[in-house]
Amino acid sequence: METTSSITAGHAVLETVIGFMGIAWSEKGLIRLCLPERSREAVERRLLRYGGVSPSTAQPPWVVELIAAIKAYAAGEDVDFTGVPVDLDGVDDFRLAIYDAARKLSFGETTTYGELAKTAGHAGLARETGAALGANPVPLVIPCHRILAAGGKIGGFSAPGGSVTKEKMLAMEGVRVGPPPPAQVSFGF
């Protein structure tokens, strides 16, 4: 069972070219990241659902850098989030292993739930890996959008917009999921 930290956390809602996104942090690191929504209010509501999250005017330097990096990612730039401190207090060892393995995936690099489970030392637990990623509190920084179902299929995605959002994020990274375009048309035969 995940415990909610009693530590007061700061939060910020940011406007990006792909919509409003939000982050919340403690003194240890990032505790929440909300993927794009259409309105600032929707992101604010999602962030405030988590205990201890309150508005903060003081942003540590790493938060200022993270906000700039998220905006750059949303604008289509290749951004590396591996240096972002993450506070995963209350997360069980299995999920920590899955999240750690997922964080090692680079921009535009994908794997399957089964392969990620194997990499994390939990071979055969693809379904449980999917559930762990569905509970990921900091998507993008822990890039759960880069994990595909068997056979390279898109798989599920618990963020707003579901699999469509996942597919758009992968496309921003140059990854195309789904059937290839009809090559015969482009070659005229």
N, C-alpha and C. Protein backbone atom coordinates (compact mmCIF):
# COMPACT_ATOMS: atom_id res chain seq x y z
N MET A 1 0.84 -1.18 0.00
CA MET A 1 0.00 0.00 0.00
C MET A 1 0.89 1.24 0.00
N GLU A 2 0.61 2.16 -0.89
CA GLU A 2 1.40 3.37 -1.00
C GLU A 2 0.98 4.35 0.09
N THR A 3 1.95 4.94 0.73
CA THR A 3 1.64 5.92 1.76
C THR A 3 1.86 7.31 1.22
N THR A 4 1.03 8.23 1.67
CA THR A 4 1.18 9.61 1.24
C THR A 4 2.06 10.32 2.23
N SER A 5 3.04 10.99 1.74
CA SER A 5 3.98 11.71 2.59
C SER A 5 3.27 12.87 3.27
N SER A 6 3.61 13.12 4.53
CA SER A 6 3.03 14.25 5.24
C SER A 6 3.83 15.52 4.98
N ILE A 7 4.86 15.41 4.20
CA ILE A 7 5.72 16.54 3.87
C ILE A 7 4.96 17.45 2.90
N THR A 8 4.99 18.74 3.16
CA THR A 8 4.34 19.67 2.25
C THR A 8 5.16 19.74 0.97
N ALA A 9 4.46 19.65 -0.13
CA ALA A 9 5.10 19.68 -1.43
C ALA A 9 4.65 20.91 -2.20
N GLY A 10 5.57 21.44 -2.98
CA GLY A 10 5.21 22.55 -3.85
C GLY A 10 4.68 22.00 -5.16
N HIS A 11 3.98 22.84 -5.90
CA HIS A 11 3.55 22.41 -7.22
C HIS A 11 3.48 23.59 -8.17
N ALA A 12 3.49 23.26 -9.45
CA ALA A 12 3.41 24.27 -10.49
C ALA A 12 2.63 23.69 -11.67
N VAL A 13 1.85 24.54 -12.31
CA VAL A 13 1.16 24.19 -13.54
C VAL A 13 1.84 25.00 -14.64
N LEU A 14 2.21 24.31 -15.73
CA LEU A 14 2.91 25.01 -16.80
C LEU A 14 2.18 24.83 -18.12
N GLU A 15 2.23 25.88 -18.91
CA GLU A 15 1.62 25.82 -20.23
C GLU A 15 2.69 25.44 -21.24
N THR A 16 2.41 24.38 -22.02
CA THR A 16 3.33 23.93 -23.05
C THR A 16 2.61 23.97 -24.39
N VAL A 17 3.32 23.74 -25.47
CA VAL A 17 2.69 23.74 -26.79
C VAL A 17 1.71 22.56 -26.96
N ILE A 18 1.78 21.55 -26.09
CA ILE A 18 0.86 20.41 -26.21
C ILE A 18 -0.22 20.42 -25.13
N GLY A 19 -0.28 21.47 -24.32
CA GLY A 19 -1.31 21.58 -23.29
C GLY A 19 -0.72 21.94 -21.94
N PHE A 20 -1.58 22.01 -20.94
CA PHE A 20 -1.14 22.33 -19.59
C PHE A 20 -0.64 21.07 -18.91
N MET A 21 0.51 21.18 -18.25
CA MET A 21 1.10 20.06 -17.53
C MET A 21 1.38 20.53 -16.11
N GLY A 22 1.56 19.58 -15.19
CA GLY A 22 1.80 19.97 -13.82
C GLY A 22 2.84 19.10 -13.17
N ILE A 23 3.51 19.68 -12.18
CA ILE A 23 4.48 18.92 -11.38
C ILE A 23 4.26 19.25 -9.91
N ALA A 24 4.62 18.30 -9.07
CA ALA A 24 4.64 18.52 -7.62
C ALA A 24 5.93 17.92 -7.11
N TRP A 25 6.49 18.56 -6.07
CA TRP A 25 7.77 18.11 -5.56
C TRP A 25 7.83 18.24 -4.05
N SER A 26 8.72 17.45 -3.48
CA SER A 26 9.06 17.55 -2.06
C SER A 26 10.50 18.03 -2.01
N GLU A 27 11.05 18.13 -0.80
CA GLU A 27 12.46 18.53 -0.72
C GLU A 27 13.38 17.43 -1.25
N LYS A 28 12.86 16.18 -1.39
CA LYS A 28 13.66 15.06 -1.90
C LYS A 28 13.64 14.96 -3.43
N GLY A 29 12.57 15.43 -4.05
CA GLY A 29 12.49 15.30 -5.50
C GLY A 29 11.06 15.37 -6.02
N LEU A 30 10.91 15.05 -7.28
CA LEU A 30 9.63 15.08 -7.97
C LEU A 30 8.71 14.00 -7.41
N ILE A 31 7.47 14.34 -7.08
CA ILE A 31 6.53 13.35 -6.57
C ILE A 31 5.35 13.11 -7.51
N ARG A 32 5.05 14.05 -8.39
CA ARG A 32 3.96 13.90 -9.36
C ARG A 32 4.29 14.66 -10.63
N LEU A 33 3.83 14.11 -11.74
CA LEU A 33 3.89 14.82 -13.02
C LEU A 33 2.60 14.50 -13.74
N CYS A 34 1.88 15.54 -14.12
CA CYS A 34 0.62 15.38 -14.85
C CYS A 34 0.85 15.70 -16.32
N LEU A 35 0.51 14.74 -17.16
CA LEU A 35 0.65 14.92 -18.61
C LEU A 35 -0.42 15.88 -19.12
N PRO A 36 -0.34 16.32 -20.37
CA PRO A 36 -1.17 17.41 -20.88
C PRO A 36 -2.68 17.25 -20.70
N GLU A 37 -3.26 18.36 -20.30
CA GLU A 37 -4.71 18.54 -20.20
C GLU A 37 -5.03 19.82 -20.97
N ARG A 38 -6.33 20.01 -21.27
CA ARG A 38 -6.73 21.20 -22.02
C ARG A 38 -6.76 22.47 -21.16
N SER A 39 -6.94 22.30 -19.83
CA SER A 39 -7.07 23.50 -19.00
C SER A 39 -6.15 23.45 -17.79
N ARG A 40 -5.75 24.63 -17.36
CA ARG A 40 -4.94 24.80 -16.16
C ARG A 40 -5.69 24.23 -14.95
N GLU A 41 -7.00 24.47 -14.89
CA GLU A 41 -7.83 24.02 -13.77
C GLU A 41 -7.85 22.50 -13.65
N ALA A 42 -7.91 21.80 -14.77
CA ALA A 42 -7.93 20.32 -14.75
C ALA A 42 -6.63 19.78 -14.15
N VAL A 43 -5.51 20.38 -14.52
CA VAL A 43 -4.21 19.94 -13.99
C VAL A 43 -4.14 20.28 -12.50
N GLU A 44 -4.58 21.46 -12.15
CA GLU A 44 -4.58 21.89 -10.74
C GLU A 44 -5.39 20.91 -9.89
N ARG A 45 -6.58 20.53 -10.36
CA ARG A 45 -7.43 19.57 -9.63
C ARG A 45 -6.71 18.24 -9.44
N ARG A 46 -6.06 17.75 -10.50
CA ARG A 46 -5.34 16.47 -10.41
C ARG A 46 -4.21 16.55 -9.40
N LEU A 47 -3.46 17.64 -9.41
CA LEU A 47 -2.34 17.77 -8.49
C LEU A 47 -2.80 17.86 -7.03
N LEU A 48 -3.88 18.57 -6.80
CA LEU A 48 -4.35 18.79 -5.42
C LEU A 48 -5.03 17.56 -4.83
N ARG A 49 -5.29 16.53 -5.64
CA ARG A 49 -5.85 15.27 -5.12
C ARG A 49 -4.86 14.53 -4.23
N TYR A 50 -3.59 14.86 -4.36
CA TYR A 50 -2.56 14.17 -3.59
C TYR A 50 -2.27 14.95 -2.32
N GLY A 51 -2.30 14.26 -1.19
CA GLY A 51 -2.09 14.89 0.10
C GLY A 51 -0.78 15.63 0.20
N GLY A 52 -0.80 16.79 0.85
CA GLY A 52 0.42 17.55 1.10
C GLY A 52 0.84 18.47 -0.03
N VAL A 53 0.16 18.41 -1.17
CA VAL A 53 0.53 19.27 -2.30
C VAL A 53 -0.11 20.63 -2.10
N SER A 54 0.70 21.67 -2.14
CA SER A 54 0.19 23.03 -1.98
C SER A 54 0.92 23.95 -2.94
N PRO A 55 0.31 25.09 -3.26
CA PRO A 55 0.99 26.04 -4.14
C PRO A 55 2.31 26.48 -3.52
N SER A 56 3.29 26.70 -4.33
CA SER A 56 4.60 27.13 -3.83
C SER A 56 5.16 28.19 -4.75
N THR A 57 5.66 29.24 -4.15
CA THR A 57 6.30 30.28 -4.96
C THR A 57 7.79 30.00 -5.07
N ALA A 58 8.34 29.28 -4.08
CA ALA A 58 9.76 28.97 -4.07
C ALA A 58 10.01 27.69 -4.88
N GLN A 59 10.74 27.83 -5.97
CA GLN A 59 11.08 26.67 -6.80
C GLN A 59 12.58 26.42 -6.70
N PRO A 60 12.96 25.23 -6.20
CA PRO A 60 14.40 24.93 -6.17
C PRO A 60 14.96 24.98 -7.59
N PRO A 61 16.26 25.21 -7.73
CA PRO A 61 16.87 25.29 -9.07
C PRO A 61 16.54 24.09 -9.97
N TRP A 62 16.52 22.88 -9.41
CA TRP A 62 16.22 21.71 -10.24
C TRP A 62 14.79 21.75 -10.77
N VAL A 63 13.87 22.36 -10.03
CA VAL A 63 12.48 22.48 -10.50
C VAL A 63 12.41 23.46 -11.66
N VAL A 64 13.13 24.58 -11.54
CA VAL A 64 13.18 25.57 -12.62
C VAL A 64 13.72 24.90 -13.89
N GLU A 65 14.79 24.11 -13.74
CA GLU A 65 15.38 23.39 -14.88
C GLU A 65 14.40 22.35 -15.45
N LEU A 66 13.68 21.64 -14.56
CA LEU A 66 12.72 20.64 -15.01
C LEU A 66 11.60 21.28 -15.82
N ILE A 67 11.08 22.40 -15.35
CA ILE A 67 10.02 23.10 -16.08
C ILE A 67 10.50 23.46 -17.49
N ALA A 68 11.70 23.99 -17.59
CA ALA A 68 12.26 24.34 -18.91
C ALA A 68 12.42 23.08 -19.77
N ALA A 69 12.87 21.98 -19.16
CA ALA A 69 13.06 20.73 -19.90
C ALA A 69 11.72 20.16 -20.39
N ILE A 70 10.68 20.23 -19.56
CA ILE A 70 9.36 19.74 -19.97
C ILE A 70 8.84 20.56 -21.15
N LYS A 71 9.00 21.87 -21.08
CA LYS A 71 8.56 22.74 -22.19
C LYS A 71 9.34 22.42 -23.46
N ALA A 72 10.63 22.15 -23.33
CA ALA A 72 11.46 21.80 -24.49
C ALA A 72 11.00 20.47 -25.08
N TYR A 73 10.74 19.48 -24.21
CA TYR A 73 10.24 18.17 -24.68
C TYR A 73 8.92 18.35 -25.43
N ALA A 74 8.01 19.12 -24.86
CA ALA A 74 6.70 19.34 -25.48
C ALA A 74 6.83 20.03 -26.84
N ALA A 75 7.91 20.78 -27.01
CA ALA A 75 8.16 21.47 -28.28
C ALA A 75 8.90 20.56 -29.28
N GLY A 76 9.15 19.29 -28.88
CA GLY A 76 9.73 18.33 -29.79
C GLY A 76 11.23 18.11 -29.63
N GLU A 77 11.83 18.68 -28.61
CA GLU A 77 13.28 18.51 -28.42
C GLU A 77 13.59 17.20 -27.70
N ASP A 78 14.76 16.65 -27.99
CA ASP A 78 15.27 15.44 -27.34
C ASP A 78 15.77 15.86 -25.96
N VAL A 79 15.03 15.45 -24.93
CA VAL A 79 15.38 15.83 -23.56
C VAL A 79 15.67 14.58 -22.74
N ASP A 80 16.69 14.66 -21.92
CA ASP A 80 17.08 13.55 -21.03
C ASP A 80 16.64 13.92 -19.62
N PHE A 81 15.71 13.15 -19.05
CA PHE A 81 15.20 13.43 -17.71
C PHE A 81 15.85 12.56 -16.64
N THR A 82 16.92 11.82 -16.98
CA THR A 82 17.50 10.88 -16.01
C THR A 82 18.12 11.56 -14.79
N GLY A 83 18.47 12.83 -14.89
CA GLY A 83 19.07 13.52 -13.76
C GLY A 83 18.08 14.14 -12.79
N VAL A 84 16.79 14.06 -13.11
CA VAL A 84 15.76 14.66 -12.25
C VAL A 84 15.62 13.83 -10.97
N PRO A 85 15.76 14.46 -9.80
CA PRO A 85 15.55 13.70 -8.57
C PRO A 85 14.07 13.32 -8.41
N VAL A 86 13.82 12.09 -8.04
CA VAL A 86 12.45 11.60 -7.89
C VAL A 86 12.29 11.08 -6.47
N ASP A 87 11.20 11.48 -5.82
CA ASP A 87 10.87 11.04 -4.47
C ASP A 87 9.78 9.97 -4.59
N LEU A 88 10.18 8.71 -4.42
CA LEU A 88 9.24 7.60 -4.54
C LEU A 88 9.00 6.93 -3.18
N ASP A 89 8.97 7.74 -2.12
CA ASP A 89 8.68 7.19 -0.79
C ASP A 89 7.36 6.44 -0.83
N GLY A 90 7.33 5.27 -0.22
CA GLY A 90 6.10 4.49 -0.15
C GLY A 90 5.88 3.55 -1.31
N VAL A 91 6.77 3.58 -2.31
CA VAL A 91 6.63 2.69 -3.47
C VAL A 91 7.36 1.38 -3.17
N ASP A 92 6.70 0.26 -3.46
CA ASP A 92 7.27 -1.05 -3.15
C ASP A 92 8.48 -1.38 -4.05
N ASP A 93 9.26 -2.37 -3.60
CA ASP A 93 10.50 -2.75 -4.30
C ASP A 93 10.28 -3.18 -5.74
N PHE A 94 9.20 -3.90 -6.02
CA PHE A 94 8.92 -4.35 -7.38
C PHE A 94 8.76 -3.13 -8.30
N ARG A 95 7.90 -2.18 -7.90
CA ARG A 95 7.69 -0.99 -8.72
C ARG A 95 8.97 -0.17 -8.84
N LEU A 96 9.74 -0.06 -7.76
CA LEU A 96 11.00 0.68 -7.84
C LEU A 96 11.93 0.07 -8.89
N ALA A 97 12.00 -1.27 -8.95
CA ALA A 97 12.85 -1.95 -9.94
C ALA A 97 12.35 -1.67 -11.36
N ILE A 98 11.03 -1.73 -11.55
CA ILE A 98 10.44 -1.46 -12.87
C ILE A 98 10.71 -0.02 -13.28
N TYR A 99 10.48 0.92 -12.36
CA TYR A 99 10.69 2.33 -12.66
C TYR A 99 12.16 2.62 -12.98
N ASP A 100 13.06 2.00 -12.22
CA ASP A 100 14.49 2.19 -12.46
C ASP A 100 14.87 1.69 -13.86
N ALA A 101 14.37 0.53 -14.24
CA ALA A 101 14.66 -0.02 -15.57
C ALA A 101 14.08 0.87 -16.67
N ALA A 102 12.87 1.38 -16.46
CA ALA A 102 12.23 2.24 -17.46
C ALA A 102 13.00 3.55 -17.62
N ARG A 103 13.54 4.08 -16.53
CA ARG A 103 14.28 5.35 -16.60
C ARG A 103 15.52 5.26 -17.46
N LYS A 104 16.00 4.05 -17.69
CA LYS A 104 17.21 3.86 -18.51
C LYS A 104 16.92 3.94 -20.01
N LEU A 105 15.64 3.96 -20.39
CA LEU A 105 15.29 4.06 -21.82
C LEU A 105 15.50 5.50 -22.29
N SER A 106 16.20 5.64 -23.39
CA SER A 106 16.50 6.96 -23.96
C SER A 106 15.35 7.48 -24.81
N PHE A 107 15.42 8.73 -25.14
CA PHE A 107 14.48 9.38 -26.06
C PHE A 107 14.35 8.54 -27.32
N GLY A 108 13.13 8.14 -27.67
CA GLY A 108 12.89 7.37 -28.88
C GLY A 108 13.17 5.88 -28.77
N GLU A 109 13.60 5.40 -27.61
CA GLU A 109 13.89 3.98 -27.41
C GLU A 109 12.69 3.31 -26.75
N THR A 110 12.26 2.18 -27.30
CA THR A 110 11.12 1.47 -26.72
C THR A 110 11.50 0.04 -26.37
N THR A 111 10.67 -0.56 -25.53
CA THR A 111 10.79 -1.97 -25.19
C THR A 111 9.38 -2.47 -24.90
N THR A 112 9.26 -3.76 -24.63
CA THR A 112 7.94 -4.31 -24.29
C THR A 112 7.84 -4.48 -22.78
N TYR A 113 6.61 -4.67 -22.30
CA TYR A 113 6.40 -4.91 -20.87
C TYR A 113 7.19 -6.14 -20.43
N GLY A 114 7.18 -7.19 -21.23
CA GLY A 114 7.91 -8.41 -20.89
C GLY A 114 9.40 -8.21 -20.82
N GLU A 115 9.95 -7.48 -21.79
CA GLU A 115 11.40 -7.21 -21.79
C GLU A 115 11.79 -6.31 -20.63
N LEU A 116 10.95 -5.33 -20.32
CA LEU A 116 11.25 -4.44 -19.20
C LEU A 116 11.25 -5.23 -17.89
N ALA A 117 10.28 -6.13 -17.74
CA ALA A 117 10.21 -6.97 -16.53
C ALA A 117 11.50 -7.79 -16.40
N LYS A 118 11.94 -8.36 -17.51
CA LYS A 118 13.17 -9.17 -17.53
C LYS A 118 14.38 -8.31 -17.15
N THR A 119 14.49 -7.12 -17.74
CA THR A 119 15.58 -6.20 -17.45
C THR A 119 15.60 -5.82 -15.97
N ALA A 120 14.41 -5.68 -15.38
CA ALA A 120 14.29 -5.28 -13.98
C ALA A 120 14.49 -6.45 -13.02
N GLY A 121 14.74 -7.65 -13.57
CA GLY A 121 14.95 -8.81 -12.72
C GLY A 121 13.69 -9.55 -12.34
N HIS A 122 12.62 -9.33 -13.10
CA HIS A 122 11.32 -9.96 -12.80
C HIS A 122 10.73 -10.60 -14.06
N ALA A 123 11.53 -11.45 -14.71
CA ALA A 123 11.09 -12.12 -15.95
C ALA A 123 9.76 -12.81 -15.72
N GLY A 124 8.90 -12.74 -16.72
CA GLY A 124 7.60 -13.41 -16.67
C GLY A 124 6.49 -12.58 -16.04
N LEU A 125 6.82 -11.37 -15.60
CA LEU A 125 5.81 -10.55 -14.94
C LEU A 125 5.40 -9.34 -15.79
N ALA A 126 5.11 -9.58 -17.06
CA ALA A 126 4.74 -8.50 -17.97
C ALA A 126 3.46 -7.79 -17.52
N ARG A 127 2.46 -8.57 -17.13
CA ARG A 127 1.17 -7.99 -16.72
C ARG A 127 1.35 -7.11 -15.47
N GLU A 128 2.11 -7.62 -14.50
CA GLU A 128 2.38 -6.86 -13.28
C GLU A 128 3.20 -5.60 -13.58
N THR A 129 4.08 -5.71 -14.57
CA THR A 129 4.87 -4.56 -15.00
C THR A 129 3.95 -3.49 -15.57
N GLY A 130 2.99 -3.91 -16.38
CA GLY A 130 2.00 -2.97 -16.92
C GLY A 130 1.22 -2.27 -15.81
N ALA A 131 0.83 -3.03 -14.78
CA ALA A 131 0.10 -2.45 -13.66
C ALA A 131 0.98 -1.45 -12.90
N ALA A 132 2.25 -1.79 -12.72
CA ALA A 132 3.17 -0.88 -12.04
C ALA A 132 3.32 0.42 -12.82
N LEU A 133 3.45 0.31 -14.14
CA LEU A 133 3.59 1.50 -14.97
C LEU A 133 2.30 2.31 -14.99
N GLY A 134 1.16 1.65 -14.87
CA GLY A 134 -0.12 2.35 -14.80
C GLY A 134 -0.24 3.20 -13.54
N ALA A 135 0.54 2.85 -12.52
CA ALA A 135 0.54 3.60 -11.26
C ALA A 135 1.71 4.58 -11.17
N ASN A 136 2.45 4.73 -12.24
CA ASN A 136 3.62 5.61 -12.28
C ASN A 136 3.23 7.04 -11.91
N PRO A 137 3.77 7.58 -10.82
CA PRO A 137 3.39 8.94 -10.41
C PRO A 137 4.07 10.05 -11.22
N VAL A 138 5.14 9.71 -11.94
CA VAL A 138 5.89 10.74 -12.66
C VAL A 138 6.17 10.33 -14.11
N PRO A 139 5.09 10.15 -14.91
CA PRO A 139 5.32 9.80 -16.32
C PRO A 139 6.17 10.87 -16.99
N LEU A 140 6.81 10.53 -18.04
CA LEU A 140 7.77 11.34 -18.79
C LEU A 140 9.14 11.23 -18.13
N VAL A 141 9.25 11.53 -16.83
CA VAL A 141 10.53 11.37 -16.14
C VAL A 141 10.81 9.87 -15.97
N ILE A 142 9.80 9.10 -15.60
CA ILE A 142 9.86 7.63 -15.70
C ILE A 142 9.04 7.36 -16.97
N PRO A 143 9.70 7.15 -18.10
CA PRO A 143 9.04 7.17 -19.42
C PRO A 143 8.19 5.94 -19.74
N CYS A 144 7.08 5.79 -19.04
CA CYS A 144 6.21 4.63 -19.25
C CYS A 144 5.60 4.62 -20.66
N HIS A 145 5.58 5.76 -21.33
CA HIS A 145 5.06 5.80 -22.70
C HIS A 145 5.95 5.04 -23.68
N ARG A 146 7.16 4.72 -23.28
CA ARG A 146 8.11 4.01 -24.15
C ARG A 146 7.99 2.50 -24.03
N ILE A 147 7.03 2.01 -23.23
CA ILE A 147 6.85 0.58 -23.03
C ILE A 147 5.65 0.13 -23.87
N LEU A 148 5.88 -0.86 -24.73
CA LEU A 148 4.86 -1.34 -25.66
C LEU A 148 4.39 -2.74 -25.27
N ALA A 149 3.24 -3.10 -25.79
CA ALA A 149 2.73 -4.45 -25.61
C ALA A 149 3.50 -5.40 -26.52
N ALA A 150 3.32 -6.69 -26.31
CA ALA A 150 3.98 -7.71 -27.15
C ALA A 150 3.66 -7.44 -28.62
N GLY A 151 4.64 -7.72 -29.47
CA GLY A 151 4.44 -7.53 -30.91
C GLY A 151 4.53 -6.07 -31.33
N GLY A 152 5.01 -5.21 -30.44
CA GLY A 152 5.15 -3.79 -30.79
C GLY A 152 3.84 -3.03 -30.83
N LYS A 153 2.78 -3.60 -30.25
CA LYS A 153 1.49 -2.90 -30.23
C LYS A 153 1.55 -1.81 -29.15
N ILE A 154 0.70 -0.81 -29.30
CA ILE A 154 0.74 0.37 -28.43
C ILE A 154 0.53 0.03 -26.96
N GLY A 155 -0.39 -0.84 -26.63
CA GLY A 155 -0.65 -1.16 -25.23
C GLY A 155 -1.45 -0.07 -24.55
N GLY A 156 -1.70 -0.23 -23.29
CA GLY A 156 -2.50 0.73 -22.54
C GLY A 156 -1.70 1.94 -22.10
N PHE A 157 -2.44 2.95 -21.58
CA PHE A 157 -1.81 4.16 -21.06
C PHE A 157 -2.83 4.84 -20.17
N SER A 158 -2.46 5.08 -18.92
CA SER A 158 -3.43 5.60 -17.95
C SER A 158 -3.52 7.12 -17.91
N ALA A 159 -2.76 7.83 -18.72
CA ALA A 159 -2.81 9.29 -18.74
C ALA A 159 -4.06 9.77 -19.49
N PRO A 160 -4.42 11.05 -19.31
CA PRO A 160 -5.55 11.59 -20.09
C PRO A 160 -5.32 11.36 -21.58
N GLY A 161 -6.33 10.89 -22.26
CA GLY A 161 -6.21 10.60 -23.68
C GLY A 161 -5.81 9.17 -23.97
N GLY A 162 -5.41 8.42 -22.94
CA GLY A 162 -5.09 7.01 -23.08
C GLY A 162 -4.03 6.72 -24.13
N SER A 163 -4.26 5.67 -24.90
CA SER A 163 -3.29 5.22 -25.90
C SER A 163 -3.00 6.26 -26.98
N VAL A 164 -3.97 7.14 -27.25
CA VAL A 164 -3.75 8.19 -28.25
C VAL A 164 -2.64 9.13 -27.77
N THR A 165 -2.67 9.47 -26.48
CA THR A 165 -1.61 10.32 -25.91
C THR A 165 -0.27 9.62 -26.00
N LYS A 166 -0.25 8.32 -25.66
CA LYS A 166 0.99 7.54 -25.73
C LYS A 166 1.54 7.54 -27.15
N GLU A 167 0.68 7.32 -28.11
CA GLU A 167 1.09 7.29 -29.51
C GLU A 167 1.65 8.65 -29.95
N LYS A 168 1.02 9.74 -29.51
CA LYS A 168 1.49 11.09 -29.86
C LYS A 168 2.86 11.36 -29.23
N MET A 169 3.04 10.94 -27.97
CA MET A 169 4.33 11.15 -27.32
C MET A 169 5.43 10.37 -28.04
N LEU A 170 5.12 9.14 -28.42
CA LEU A 170 6.11 8.34 -29.15
C LEU A 170 6.41 8.98 -30.51
N ALA A 171 5.38 9.49 -31.19
CA ALA A 171 5.59 10.14 -32.49
C ALA A 171 6.50 11.36 -32.33
N MET A 172 6.35 12.09 -31.21
CA MET A 172 7.22 13.25 -30.95
C MET A 172 8.67 12.81 -30.83
N GLU A 173 8.88 11.55 -30.46
CA GLU A 173 10.24 11.01 -30.31
C GLU A 173 10.68 10.25 -31.56
N GLY A 174 9.88 10.31 -32.62
CA GLY A 174 10.25 9.66 -33.87
C GLY A 174 9.89 8.18 -33.93
N VAL A 175 9.06 7.71 -33.00
CA VAL A 175 8.67 6.30 -32.98
C VAL A 175 7.27 6.18 -33.56
N ARG A 176 7.13 5.33 -34.57
CA ARG A 176 5.82 5.08 -35.17
C ARG A 176 5.36 3.70 -34.74
N VAL A 177 4.15 3.65 -34.19
CA VAL A 177 3.59 2.38 -33.74
C VAL A 177 2.38 2.08 -34.60
N GLY A 178 2.22 0.83 -34.95
CA GLY A 178 1.09 0.44 -35.78
C GLY A 178 1.56 -0.09 -37.10
N PRO A 179 0.60 -0.31 -38.00
CA PRO A 179 0.99 -0.88 -39.30
C PRO A 179 1.82 0.11 -40.11
N PRO A 180 2.76 -0.40 -40.88
CA PRO A 180 3.57 0.50 -41.70
C PRO A 180 2.70 1.14 -42.79
N PRO A 181 3.13 2.29 -43.30
CA PRO A 181 2.36 2.92 -44.37
C PRO A 181 2.40 2.04 -45.61
N PRO A 182 1.37 2.12 -46.46
CA PRO A 182 1.37 1.28 -47.66
C PRO A 182 2.49 1.70 -48.62
N ALA A 183 3.55 0.92 -48.62
CA ALA A 183 4.74 1.24 -49.43
C ALA A 183 4.42 1.18 -50.92
N GLN A 184 3.50 0.31 -51.32
CA GLN A 184 3.17 0.18 -52.74
C GLN A 184 2.69 1.49 -53.33
N VAL A 185 1.93 2.27 -52.57
CA VAL A 185 1.43 3.53 -53.07
C VAL A 185 2.60 4.49 -53.33
N SER A 186 3.55 4.54 -52.40
CA SER A 186 4.64 5.48 -52.57
C SER A 186 5.58 5.08 -53.71
N PHE A 187 5.62 3.80 -54.04
CA PHE A 187 6.48 3.37 -55.14
C PHE A 187 5.70 3.21 -56.46
N GLY A 188 4.41 3.44 -56.43
CA GLY A 188 3.61 3.41 -57.66
C GLY A 188 3.32 2.04 -58.22
N PHE A 189 3.37 0.95 -57.42
CA PHE A 189 2.98 -0.35 -57.95
C PHE A 189 2.13 -1.11 -57.00
